[in-house]
Amino acid sequence: MSAFTNLAEDDFLDLFFTNVAFPNVGDAAGLPPSVGANNLHASLHVSDGVSDTSTLQTDSEVAYTGYGRVAVARSVSGWTVASGTVDNDSLMQFGEMTAGGPDTITDVGLGFATSGAGVLQIWGQVALDLVVNDGVNPQFAAGALDVSIN
């Protein structure tokens, strides 16, 4: 076996990111959405410090003064799923660095914890390392954070 079908990829991403049921898994009703969808929380990481074996969202997470994870609703207003890829629907802007830098952002993570250890669910390298100095607000423009199942 090689991979999910395109339809199964979209169905899984819909369940995880937009809280829409994954039909026909187990029975016709499939895997139901969460009663309370809550948010996914994006985190920034340095030094290529996260990988497939990472389990905590705090693994190599930045710690500059002003930083905080960004909450994005698990809904169709927070994410768009299409063709095996999901992307953010609006600007994701992290807190401004007021002290503690510079930091070089190499990775971004997604988990369910607002802060603290939390479980790292998804991670990926940023396209270009981002050096953050005082006065900078790291951000992802709408549609710029893409997640896919490979």
N, C-alpha and C. Protein backbone atom coordinates (compact mmCIF):
# COMPACT_ATOMS: atom_id res chain seq x y z
N MET A 1 0.83 -1.18 0.00
CA MET A 1 0.00 0.00 0.00
C MET A 1 0.88 1.24 0.00
N SER A 2 0.40 2.26 -0.65
CA SER A 2 1.21 3.44 -0.82
C SER A 2 0.71 4.64 -0.03
N ALA A 3 -0.55 5.01 -0.21
CA ALA A 3 -1.00 6.27 0.39
C ALA A 3 -2.52 6.34 0.46
N PHE A 4 -3.02 7.33 1.20
CA PHE A 4 -4.45 7.63 1.19
C PHE A 4 -4.85 8.04 -0.23
N THR A 5 -6.10 7.84 -0.58
CA THR A 5 -6.61 8.43 -1.81
C THR A 5 -6.75 9.94 -1.59
N ASN A 6 -6.92 10.69 -2.67
CA ASN A 6 -7.09 12.13 -2.53
C ASN A 6 -8.31 12.46 -1.67
N LEU A 7 -9.39 11.69 -1.84
CA LEU A 7 -10.60 11.92 -1.06
C LEU A 7 -10.34 11.65 0.43
N ALA A 8 -9.65 10.56 0.75
CA ALA A 8 -9.35 10.25 2.15
C ALA A 8 -8.43 11.31 2.76
N GLU A 9 -7.48 11.82 1.99
CA GLU A 9 -6.61 12.90 2.50
C GLU A 9 -7.45 14.11 2.90
N ASP A 10 -8.34 14.52 2.00
CA ASP A 10 -9.19 15.68 2.30
C ASP A 10 -10.10 15.40 3.49
N ASP A 11 -10.66 14.19 3.57
CA ASP A 11 -11.54 13.86 4.69
C ASP A 11 -10.80 13.90 6.02
N PHE A 12 -9.57 13.36 6.06
CA PHE A 12 -8.79 13.40 7.30
C PHE A 12 -8.45 14.84 7.67
N LEU A 13 -7.96 15.62 6.69
CA LEU A 13 -7.62 17.01 6.97
C LEU A 13 -8.83 17.80 7.43
N ASP A 14 -10.00 17.53 6.84
CA ASP A 14 -11.23 18.19 7.29
C ASP A 14 -11.53 17.87 8.74
N LEU A 15 -11.40 16.60 9.14
CA LEU A 15 -11.67 16.23 10.52
C LEU A 15 -10.69 16.93 11.46
N PHE A 16 -9.42 16.89 11.15
CA PHE A 16 -8.39 17.44 12.03
C PHE A 16 -8.43 18.96 12.11
N PHE A 17 -8.58 19.63 10.96
CA PHE A 17 -8.46 21.09 10.92
C PHE A 17 -9.80 21.83 10.99
N THR A 18 -10.86 21.27 10.39
CA THR A 18 -12.11 22.02 10.33
C THR A 18 -13.23 21.37 11.13
N ASN A 19 -12.93 20.25 11.81
CA ASN A 19 -13.90 19.56 12.67
C ASN A 19 -15.13 19.10 11.89
N VAL A 20 -14.92 18.62 10.68
CA VAL A 20 -15.98 18.05 9.85
C VAL A 20 -15.80 16.54 9.88
N ALA A 21 -16.90 15.79 10.02
CA ALA A 21 -16.83 14.33 10.13
C ALA A 21 -16.06 13.69 8.98
N PHE A 22 -15.35 12.61 9.28
CA PHE A 22 -14.64 11.78 8.28
C PHE A 22 -15.60 10.64 7.96
N PRO A 23 -16.33 10.72 6.83
CA PRO A 23 -17.39 9.76 6.55
C PRO A 23 -16.86 8.35 6.25
N ASN A 24 -17.72 7.38 6.54
CA ASN A 24 -17.52 5.97 6.15
C ASN A 24 -16.33 5.29 6.82
N VAL A 25 -15.83 5.81 7.93
CA VAL A 25 -14.78 5.13 8.66
C VAL A 25 -15.45 4.38 9.80
N GLY A 26 -15.43 3.07 9.76
CA GLY A 26 -16.09 2.25 10.76
C GLY A 26 -17.53 1.95 10.40
N ASP A 27 -18.32 2.98 10.14
CA ASP A 27 -19.69 2.81 9.68
C ASP A 27 -20.05 4.02 8.82
N ALA A 28 -21.26 4.06 8.35
CA ALA A 28 -21.66 5.14 7.45
C ALA A 28 -21.51 6.52 8.07
N ALA A 29 -21.70 6.60 9.39
CA ALA A 29 -21.57 7.90 10.05
C ALA A 29 -20.12 8.35 10.12
N GLY A 30 -19.19 7.39 10.12
CA GLY A 30 -17.78 7.71 10.11
C GLY A 30 -17.27 8.21 11.46
N LEU A 31 -16.11 8.86 11.43
CA LEU A 31 -15.55 9.47 12.63
C LEU A 31 -16.21 10.82 12.83
N PRO A 32 -16.92 10.99 13.95
CA PRO A 32 -17.66 12.24 14.15
C PRO A 32 -16.74 13.40 14.52
N PRO A 33 -17.21 14.61 14.29
CA PRO A 33 -16.45 15.78 14.73
C PRO A 33 -16.49 15.89 16.25
N SER A 34 -15.61 16.68 16.81
CA SER A 34 -15.59 16.93 18.25
C SER A 34 -16.82 17.74 18.65
N VAL A 35 -17.31 17.50 19.84
CA VAL A 35 -18.43 18.28 20.35
C VAL A 35 -17.99 19.73 20.52
N GLY A 36 -16.81 19.93 21.08
CA GLY A 36 -16.22 21.26 21.18
C GLY A 36 -14.98 21.31 20.32
N ALA A 37 -15.02 22.02 19.23
CA ALA A 37 -13.92 22.01 18.26
C ALA A 37 -12.63 22.60 18.80
N ASN A 38 -12.73 23.64 19.61
CA ASN A 38 -11.56 24.33 20.15
C ASN A 38 -10.65 24.86 19.05
N ASN A 39 -9.36 25.00 19.38
CA ASN A 39 -8.40 25.62 18.46
C ASN A 39 -7.18 24.75 18.26
N LEU A 40 -6.50 25.00 17.16
CA LEU A 40 -5.12 24.54 17.00
C LEU A 40 -4.25 25.72 17.39
N HIS A 41 -3.07 25.44 17.96
CA HIS A 41 -2.17 26.51 18.38
C HIS A 41 -0.85 26.36 17.65
N ALA A 42 -0.49 27.38 16.88
CA ALA A 42 0.75 27.38 16.13
C ALA A 42 1.89 27.83 17.02
N SER A 43 3.05 27.18 16.87
CA SER A 43 4.24 27.51 17.65
C SER A 43 5.42 27.67 16.71
N LEU A 44 6.40 28.45 17.14
CA LEU A 44 7.62 28.67 16.36
C LEU A 44 8.79 27.97 17.03
N HIS A 45 9.69 27.40 16.22
CA HIS A 45 10.80 26.61 16.74
C HIS A 45 12.11 27.01 16.09
N VAL A 46 13.20 26.79 16.82
CA VAL A 46 14.54 27.18 16.37
C VAL A 46 15.44 25.97 16.23
N SER A 47 16.51 26.14 15.50
CA SER A 47 17.60 25.16 15.40
C SER A 47 17.20 23.82 14.85
N ASP A 48 16.24 23.80 13.93
CA ASP A 48 15.78 22.52 13.39
C ASP A 48 15.54 21.53 14.52
N GLY A 49 14.93 22.03 15.62
CA GLY A 49 14.80 21.26 16.84
C GLY A 49 13.60 20.34 16.92
N VAL A 50 12.75 20.29 15.89
CA VAL A 50 11.63 19.37 15.91
C VAL A 50 11.76 18.40 14.74
N SER A 51 11.18 17.22 14.93
CA SER A 51 11.25 16.18 13.90
C SER A 51 10.07 15.24 14.08
N ASP A 52 10.03 14.18 13.30
CA ASP A 52 8.95 13.19 13.42
C ASP A 52 8.92 12.53 14.79
N THR A 53 10.04 12.54 15.50
CA THR A 53 10.08 11.91 16.82
C THR A 53 9.77 12.88 17.96
N SER A 54 9.59 14.15 17.65
CA SER A 54 9.24 15.13 18.68
C SER A 54 7.84 14.84 19.22
N THR A 55 7.67 15.06 20.51
CA THR A 55 6.36 14.82 21.11
C THR A 55 5.80 16.03 21.84
N LEU A 56 6.65 16.97 22.21
CA LEU A 56 6.19 18.13 22.97
C LEU A 56 6.27 19.40 22.14
N GLN A 57 5.28 20.24 22.28
CA GLN A 57 5.28 21.49 21.53
C GLN A 57 6.36 22.45 22.03
N THR A 58 6.90 22.20 23.21
CA THR A 58 7.97 23.04 23.74
C THR A 58 9.35 22.65 23.21
N ASP A 59 9.46 21.55 22.45
CA ASP A 59 10.76 21.14 21.90
C ASP A 59 11.32 22.27 21.03
N SER A 60 12.41 22.86 21.45
CA SER A 60 13.08 23.95 20.72
C SER A 60 12.16 25.12 20.37
N GLU A 61 11.12 25.32 21.17
CA GLU A 61 10.21 26.44 20.93
C GLU A 61 10.90 27.75 21.31
N VAL A 62 10.67 28.80 20.54
CA VAL A 62 11.25 30.10 20.87
C VAL A 62 10.75 30.55 22.24
N ALA A 63 11.51 31.43 22.87
CA ALA A 63 11.12 31.90 24.21
C ALA A 63 11.38 33.39 24.37
N TYR A 64 11.36 34.14 23.27
CA TYR A 64 11.63 35.56 23.40
C TYR A 64 10.50 36.27 24.14
N THR A 65 10.82 37.41 24.74
CA THR A 65 9.81 38.20 25.44
C THR A 65 8.83 38.75 24.42
N GLY A 66 7.55 38.49 24.65
CA GLY A 66 6.50 38.93 23.73
C GLY A 66 5.90 37.79 22.93
N TYR A 67 6.57 36.63 22.92
CA TYR A 67 6.10 35.48 22.13
C TYR A 67 4.90 34.79 22.79
N GLY A 68 4.02 34.32 21.99
CA GLY A 68 2.92 33.46 22.43
C GLY A 68 2.42 32.68 21.23
N ARG A 69 1.91 31.49 21.48
CA ARG A 69 1.34 30.69 20.40
C ARG A 69 0.10 31.38 19.84
N VAL A 70 -0.17 31.10 18.56
CA VAL A 70 -1.31 31.70 17.89
C VAL A 70 -2.42 30.66 17.77
N ALA A 71 -3.60 31.01 18.27
CA ALA A 71 -4.76 30.13 18.20
C ALA A 71 -5.49 30.34 16.88
N VAL A 72 -5.85 29.22 16.24
CA VAL A 72 -6.65 29.25 15.01
C VAL A 72 -7.80 28.26 15.20
N ALA A 73 -9.01 28.72 14.99
CA ALA A 73 -10.19 27.88 15.18
C ALA A 73 -10.15 26.65 14.28
N ARG A 74 -10.53 25.50 14.85
CA ARG A 74 -10.69 24.28 14.05
C ARG A 74 -12.05 24.35 13.37
N SER A 75 -12.10 25.13 12.29
CA SER A 75 -13.36 25.34 11.58
C SER A 75 -13.07 25.75 10.14
N VAL A 76 -14.12 25.79 9.34
CA VAL A 76 -13.95 26.22 7.95
C VAL A 76 -13.65 27.71 7.86
N SER A 77 -13.81 28.45 8.95
CA SER A 77 -13.41 29.86 8.94
C SER A 77 -11.94 30.03 9.30
N GLY A 78 -11.30 28.97 9.84
CA GLY A 78 -9.89 29.04 10.20
C GLY A 78 -8.97 28.41 9.17
N TRP A 79 -9.49 27.41 8.44
CA TRP A 79 -8.66 26.63 7.53
C TRP A 79 -9.44 26.28 6.27
N THR A 80 -8.73 26.13 5.15
CA THR A 80 -9.33 25.66 3.90
C THR A 80 -8.64 24.39 3.47
N VAL A 81 -9.43 23.35 3.20
CA VAL A 81 -8.91 22.06 2.74
C VAL A 81 -9.27 21.88 1.28
N ALA A 82 -8.27 21.54 0.47
CA ALA A 82 -8.50 21.27 -0.95
C ALA A 82 -7.33 20.49 -1.52
N SER A 83 -7.63 19.46 -2.25
CA SER A 83 -6.61 18.69 -2.99
C SER A 83 -5.47 18.18 -2.10
N GLY A 84 -5.80 17.66 -0.93
CA GLY A 84 -4.79 17.07 -0.05
C GLY A 84 -3.94 18.07 0.72
N THR A 85 -4.33 19.33 0.70
CA THR A 85 -3.58 20.37 1.39
C THR A 85 -4.56 21.24 2.19
N VAL A 86 -4.09 21.73 3.32
CA VAL A 86 -4.87 22.67 4.12
C VAL A 86 -4.03 23.91 4.33
N ASP A 87 -4.68 25.08 4.30
CA ASP A 87 -3.95 26.31 4.60
C ASP A 87 -4.79 27.25 5.46
N ASN A 88 -4.07 28.15 6.12
CA ASN A 88 -4.71 29.10 7.03
C ASN A 88 -5.52 30.13 6.25
N ASP A 89 -6.68 30.51 6.80
CA ASP A 89 -7.57 31.44 6.11
C ASP A 89 -7.29 32.91 6.42
N SER A 90 -6.55 33.18 7.48
CA SER A 90 -6.28 34.58 7.82
C SER A 90 -4.86 34.73 8.36
N LEU A 91 -4.45 35.96 8.52
CA LEU A 91 -3.12 36.28 9.03
C LEU A 91 -2.90 35.62 10.38
N MET A 92 -1.76 34.96 10.54
CA MET A 92 -1.35 34.39 11.83
C MET A 92 -0.14 35.19 12.29
N GLN A 93 -0.34 36.09 13.24
CA GLN A 93 0.74 36.96 13.68
C GLN A 93 1.11 36.65 15.13
N PHE A 94 2.39 36.35 15.33
CA PHE A 94 2.91 36.06 16.66
C PHE A 94 3.29 37.36 17.35
N GLY A 95 3.48 37.28 18.65
CA GLY A 95 3.82 38.47 19.42
C GLY A 95 5.14 39.10 19.00
N GLU A 96 5.22 40.40 19.19
CA GLU A 96 6.42 41.16 18.84
C GLU A 96 7.55 40.84 19.82
N MET A 97 8.75 40.63 19.29
CA MET A 97 9.92 40.42 20.14
C MET A 97 10.28 41.76 20.78
N THR A 98 10.24 41.76 22.11
CA THR A 98 10.63 42.98 22.83
C THR A 98 11.95 42.79 23.56
N ALA A 99 12.40 41.54 23.69
CA ALA A 99 13.70 41.22 24.30
C ALA A 99 13.98 39.74 24.09
N GLY A 100 15.27 39.41 24.09
CA GLY A 100 15.65 38.01 24.06
C GLY A 100 16.24 37.51 22.76
N GLY A 101 16.29 38.33 21.75
CA GLY A 101 16.75 37.84 20.45
C GLY A 101 18.21 38.10 20.19
N PRO A 102 18.64 37.87 19.00
CA PRO A 102 17.82 37.36 17.90
C PRO A 102 17.57 35.85 18.01
N ASP A 103 16.47 35.40 17.40
CA ASP A 103 16.15 33.99 17.26
C ASP A 103 16.00 33.70 15.77
N THR A 104 16.44 32.52 15.35
CA THR A 104 16.27 32.10 13.96
C THR A 104 15.20 31.03 13.92
N ILE A 105 14.06 31.37 13.36
CA ILE A 105 12.93 30.45 13.26
C ILE A 105 13.21 29.50 12.09
N THR A 106 13.19 28.19 12.38
CA THR A 106 13.43 27.18 11.35
C THR A 106 12.22 26.30 11.09
N ASP A 107 11.32 26.22 12.10
CA ASP A 107 10.18 25.31 11.99
C ASP A 107 8.94 25.93 12.62
N VAL A 108 7.79 25.42 12.21
CA VAL A 108 6.51 25.79 12.83
C VAL A 108 5.82 24.50 13.24
N GLY A 109 5.11 24.56 14.37
CA GLY A 109 4.40 23.39 14.86
C GLY A 109 2.94 23.71 15.11
N LEU A 110 2.13 22.66 15.19
CA LEU A 110 0.72 22.79 15.54
C LEU A 110 0.37 21.78 16.62
N GLY A 111 -0.34 22.23 17.61
CA GLY A 111 -0.80 21.37 18.69
C GLY A 111 -2.07 21.95 19.27
N PHE A 112 -2.51 21.40 20.40
CA PHE A 112 -3.77 21.83 20.98
C PHE A 112 -3.61 22.65 22.26
N ALA A 113 -2.39 22.78 22.77
CA ALA A 113 -2.17 23.50 24.02
C ALA A 113 -1.91 24.99 23.77
N THR A 114 -2.56 25.81 24.57
CA THR A 114 -2.35 27.26 24.49
C THR A 114 -0.92 27.63 24.85
N SER A 115 -0.38 26.93 25.85
CA SER A 115 0.99 27.15 26.29
C SER A 115 1.46 25.89 27.00
N GLY A 116 2.71 25.87 27.42
CA GLY A 116 3.23 24.71 28.14
C GLY A 116 3.57 23.56 27.20
N ALA A 117 3.86 22.40 27.81
CA ALA A 117 4.36 21.27 27.04
C ALA A 117 3.45 20.90 25.87
N GLY A 118 2.23 20.53 26.11
CA GLY A 118 1.33 20.16 25.03
C GLY A 118 1.94 19.12 24.11
N VAL A 119 1.11 18.47 23.33
CA VAL A 119 1.57 17.47 22.38
C VAL A 119 1.72 18.12 21.01
N LEU A 120 2.90 17.96 20.43
CA LEU A 120 3.13 18.45 19.07
C LEU A 120 2.47 17.48 18.11
N GLN A 121 1.51 17.95 17.34
CA GLN A 121 0.77 17.09 16.43
C GLN A 121 1.34 17.12 15.01
N ILE A 122 1.72 18.31 14.56
CA ILE A 122 2.19 18.50 13.18
C ILE A 122 3.33 19.51 13.22
N TRP A 123 4.33 19.31 12.39
CA TRP A 123 5.43 20.27 12.31
C TRP A 123 5.92 20.34 10.87
N GLY A 124 6.63 21.39 10.56
CA GLY A 124 7.26 21.51 9.25
C GLY A 124 8.27 22.63 9.25
N GLN A 125 9.20 22.53 8.32
CA GLN A 125 10.21 23.58 8.19
C GLN A 125 9.60 24.77 7.47
N VAL A 126 10.03 25.97 7.86
CA VAL A 126 9.62 27.16 7.13
C VAL A 126 10.42 27.21 5.82
N ALA A 127 9.87 27.85 4.82
CA ALA A 127 10.54 27.88 3.51
C ALA A 127 11.91 28.52 3.59
N LEU A 128 12.01 29.61 4.31
CA LEU A 128 13.28 30.31 4.53
C LEU A 128 13.41 30.59 6.02
N ASP A 129 14.56 30.29 6.60
CA ASP A 129 14.76 30.61 8.01
C ASP A 129 14.48 32.10 8.22
N LEU A 130 13.85 32.41 9.35
CA LEU A 130 13.48 33.79 9.65
C LEU A 130 14.22 34.24 10.90
N VAL A 131 15.07 35.25 10.74
CA VAL A 131 15.78 35.81 11.89
C VAL A 131 14.88 36.89 12.49
N VAL A 132 14.55 36.71 13.78
CA VAL A 132 13.66 37.63 14.47
C VAL A 132 14.46 38.42 15.48
N ASN A 133 14.40 39.74 15.36
CA ASN A 133 15.07 40.67 16.28
C ASN A 133 14.02 41.50 17.00
N ASP A 134 14.45 42.31 17.95
CA ASP A 134 13.54 43.19 18.66
C ASP A 134 12.72 44.01 17.68
N GLY A 135 11.42 44.14 17.99
CA GLY A 135 10.51 44.93 17.15
C GLY A 135 9.88 44.16 16.01
N VAL A 136 10.17 42.87 15.87
CA VAL A 136 9.64 42.07 14.76
C VAL A 136 8.50 41.18 15.25
N ASN A 137 7.42 41.13 14.46
CA ASN A 137 6.30 40.23 14.69
C ASN A 137 6.34 39.14 13.62
N PRO A 138 6.82 37.94 13.94
CA PRO A 138 6.78 36.87 12.94
C PRO A 138 5.33 36.60 12.54
N GLN A 139 5.11 36.26 11.28
CA GLN A 139 3.73 36.04 10.82
C GLN A 139 3.67 35.15 9.59
N PHE A 140 2.50 34.58 9.39
CA PHE A 140 2.16 33.85 8.17
C PHE A 140 0.97 34.55 7.57
N ALA A 141 1.08 35.02 6.34
CA ALA A 141 -0.03 35.65 5.65
C ALA A 141 -1.13 34.61 5.42
N ALA A 142 -2.34 35.07 5.17
CA ALA A 142 -3.43 34.16 4.85
C ALA A 142 -3.01 33.28 3.67
N GLY A 143 -3.19 31.97 3.81
CA GLY A 143 -2.85 31.03 2.75
C GLY A 143 -1.39 30.64 2.69
N ALA A 144 -0.56 31.18 3.59
CA ALA A 144 0.89 30.93 3.51
C ALA A 144 1.34 29.69 4.28
N LEU A 145 0.54 29.23 5.24
CA LEU A 145 0.92 28.05 6.02
C LEU A 145 0.20 26.85 5.41
N ASP A 146 0.91 26.03 4.66
CA ASP A 146 0.33 24.89 3.97
C ASP A 146 0.74 23.60 4.66
N VAL A 147 -0.24 22.72 4.89
CA VAL A 147 0.00 21.40 5.47
C VAL A 147 -0.56 20.37 4.49
N SER A 148 0.22 19.36 4.21
CA SER A 148 -0.26 18.30 3.32
C SER A 148 0.11 16.94 3.88
N ILE A 149 -0.60 15.92 3.43
CA ILE A 149 -0.28 14.55 3.79
C ILE A 149 0.51 13.96 2.63
N ASN A 150 1.71 13.51 2.93
CA ASN A 150 2.54 12.93 1.86
C ASN A 150 2.73 11.46 2.12
